[in-house]
C-alpha atoms as a PDB file:
ATOM      1  CA  MET A   1     -15.862 -12.430   5.430  1.00  0.00           C
ATOM      2  CA  THR A   2     -14.977 -10.650   2.153  1.00  0.00           C
ATOM      3  CA  PRO A   3     -17.553 -10.791  -0.910  1.00  0.00           C
ATOM      4  CA  ARG A   4     -15.226 -12.954  -2.636  1.00  0.00           C
ATOM      5  CA  GLY A   5     -15.305 -15.606   0.001  1.00  0.00           C
ATOM      6  CA  GLU A   6     -19.194 -15.365   0.353  1.00  0.00           C
ATOM      7  CA  VAL A   7     -19.330 -16.070  -3.639  1.00  0.00           C
ATOM      8  CA  GLY A   8     -17.144 -19.296  -3.090  1.00  0.00           C
ATOM      9  CA  LEU A   9     -19.718 -20.519  -0.386  1.00  0.00           C
ATOM     10  CA  ILE A  10     -22.716 -19.959  -2.252  1.00  0.00           C
ATOM     11  CA  VAL A  11     -21.544 -20.979  -5.715  1.00  0.00           C
ATOM     12  CA  ALA A  12     -20.004 -24.239  -3.742  1.00  0.00           C
ATOM     13  CA  LEU A  13     -23.200 -24.716  -2.024  1.00  0.00           C
ATOM     14  CA  ILE A  14     -25.433 -24.503  -5.116  1.00  0.00           C
ATOM     15  CA  GLY A  15     -23.003 -27.272  -6.854  1.00  0.00           C
ATOM     16  CA  LEU A  16     -23.301 -29.485  -3.975  1.00  0.00           C
ATOM     17  CA  GLN A  17     -27.335 -29.326  -4.150  1.00  0.00           C
ATOM     18  CA  MET A  18     -26.938 -30.355  -7.748  1.00  0.00           C
ATOM     19  CA  ASN A  19     -24.770 -32.967  -7.382  1.00  0.00           C
ATOM     20  CA  MET A  20     -21.738 -31.248  -9.304  1.00  0.00           C
ATOM     21  CA  ILE A  21     -19.282 -31.602  -6.711  1.00  0.00           C
ATOM     22  CA  SER A  22     -18.822 -34.022  -3.690  1.00  0.00           C
ATOM     23  CA  PRO A  23     -19.416 -33.444  -0.425  1.00  0.00           C
ATOM     24  CA  SER A  24     -15.737 -33.444   0.185  1.00  0.00           C
ATOM     25  CA  ALA A  25     -15.062 -30.863  -2.232  1.00  0.00           C
ATOM     26  CA  TYR A  26     -17.660 -28.867  -0.494  1.00  0.00           C
ATOM     27  CA  ALA A  27     -15.781 -29.261   2.891  1.00  0.00           C
ATOM     28  CA  ILE A  28     -12.440 -28.177   1.031  1.00  0.00           C
ATOM     29  CA  VAL A  29     -14.206 -24.780  -0.166  1.00  0.00           C
ATOM     30  CA  ILE A  30     -15.873 -24.217   3.271  1.00  0.00           C
ATOM     31  CA  PHE A  31     -11.843 -24.703   5.061  1.00  0.00           C
ATOM     32  CA  MET A  32     -10.263 -22.457   2.511  1.00  0.00           C
ATOM     33  CA  THR A  33     -12.657 -19.802   2.391  1.00  0.00           C
ATOM     34  CA  GLY A  34     -12.589 -19.818   6.286  1.00  0.00           C
ATOM     35  CA  ALA A  35      -8.619 -20.116   6.522  1.00  0.00           C
ATOM     36  CA  THR A  36      -8.063 -17.310   3.713  1.00  0.00           C
ATOM     37  CA  THR A  37     -10.858 -15.055   5.660  1.00  0.00           C
ATOM     38  CA  LEU A  38      -8.996 -15.463   9.039  1.00  0.00           C
ATOM     39  CA  PHE A  39      -5.385 -15.645   7.805  1.00  0.00           C
ATOM     40  CA  ALA A  40      -4.851 -13.217   4.672  1.00  0.00           C
ATOM     41  CA  PRO A  41      -5.632  -9.543   7.096  1.00  0.00           C
ATOM     42  CA  PRO A  42      -2.913 -10.727   9.404  1.00  0.00           C
ATOM     43  CA  VAL A  43      -0.258 -11.834   7.130  1.00  0.00           C
ATOM     44  CA  LEU A  44      -1.054  -8.875   4.733  1.00  0.00           C
ATOM     45  CA  ARG A  45      -0.448  -6.539   7.734  1.00  0.00           C
ATOM     46  CA  VAL A  46       3.023  -7.846   8.218  1.00  0.00           C
ATOM     47  CA  LEU A  47       3.742  -7.865   4.313  1.00  0.00           C
ATOM     48  CA  PHE A  48       2.934  -4.373   3.678  1.00  0.00           C
ATOM     49  CA  LYS A  49       3.744  -2.798   7.206  1.00  0.00           C
ATOM     50  CA  ARG A  50       5.369   0.634   6.140  1.00  0.00           C
ATOM     51  CA  ARG A  51       8.963   1.459   7.300  1.00  0.00           C
ATOM     52  CA  VAL A  52       9.501   4.868   7.436  1.00  0.00           C
ATOM     53  CA  THR A  53      13.272   5.494   7.036  1.00  0.00           C
ATOM     54  CA  LEU A  54      14.999   8.669   6.014  1.00  0.00           C
ATOM     55  CA  PRO A  55      17.924   8.438   3.923  1.00  0.00           C
ATOM     56  CA  ALA A  56      21.511   9.206   5.434  1.00  0.00           C
ATOM     57  CA  LYS A  57      21.963  12.721   3.564  1.00  0.00           C
ATOM     58  CA  SER A  58      18.474  13.557   3.562  1.00  0.00           C
ATOM     59  CA  PRO A  59      18.149  17.213   2.218  1.00  0.00           C
ATOM     60  CA  THR A  60      17.137  19.935   4.580  1.00  0.00           C
ATOM     61  CA  ALA A  61      13.876  22.058   4.397  1.00  0.00           C
ATOM     62  CA  LEU A  62      16.100  25.082   3.779  1.00  0.00           C
ATOM     63  CA  GLN A  63      17.615  23.389   1.308  1.00  0.00           C
ATOM     64  CA  LEU A  64      14.604  22.260  -0.514  1.00  0.00           C
ATOM     65  CA  GLU A  65      13.281  25.686  -0.409  1.00  0.00           C
ATOM     66  CA  GLY A  66      16.491  26.700  -2.097  1.00  0.00           C
ATOM     67  CA  ILE A  67      15.564  24.272  -5.084  1.00  0.00           C
ATOM     68  CA  ALA A  68      12.408  25.138  -5.156  1.00  0.00           C
ATOM     69  CA  ASP A  69      13.615  29.283  -5.255  1.00  0.00           C
ATOM     70  CA  LEU A  70      15.932  28.470  -8.181  1.00  0.00           C
ATOM     71  CA  ARG A  71      13.364  26.763 -10.344  1.00  0.00           C
ATOM     72  CA  THR A  72      10.880  29.817 -10.176  1.00  0.00           C
ATOM     73  CA  GLY A  73      13.937  32.196 -10.713  1.00  0.00           C
ATOM     74  CA  ILE A  74      13.505  33.707  -7.145  1.00  0.00           C
ATOM     75  CA  VAL A  75      16.531  33.458  -4.933  1.00  0.00           C
ATOM     76  CA  ALA A  76      16.008  34.119  -1.463  1.00  0.00           C
ATOM     77  CA  ALA A  77      19.019  34.908   1.308  1.00  0.00           C
ATOM     78  CA  GLY A  78      20.290  31.691   2.906  1.00  0.00           C
ATOM     79  CA  ALA A  79      18.640  29.320   0.450  1.00  0.00           C
ATOM     80  CA  GLY A  80      21.351  27.017   0.821  1.00  0.00           C
ATOM     81  CA  GLU A  81      25.119  26.776   0.511  1.00  0.00           C
ATOM     82  CA  GLY A  82      26.415  28.437  -2.969  1.00  0.00           C
ATOM     83  CA  ALA A  83      23.164  30.585  -2.906  1.00  0.00           C
ATOM     84  CA  LYS A  84      23.314  33.913  -4.370  1.00  0.00           C
ATOM     85  CA  HIS A  85      21.494  36.479  -2.278  1.00  0.00           C
ATOM     86  CA  GLU A  86      20.295  38.712  -4.999  1.00  0.00           C
ATOM     87  CA  SER A  87      16.936  38.936  -6.846  1.00  0.00           C
ATOM     88  CA  PRO A  88      16.483  38.508 -10.471  1.00  0.00           C
ATOM     89  CA  GLU A  89      16.061  41.516 -12.226  1.00  0.00           C
END
């Protein structure tokens, strides 16, 4: 049970004992606390399921290394198409 649910039960019980809420309202609080405690985790698991999909044209590791090398000014041989095979001076 979540801490929020436990606090809700305690507050509802205190309200019932002090005659601030009716027994039917207390029953509704008990039911909703139990329902959300039981149903929330599976529903959230389904809603936030990670879908790992790669785009159709994802860059290869070699292309990514070439981009990193261009940013630092170092161009390595075979760093991707159109890369110069020279080192900077």
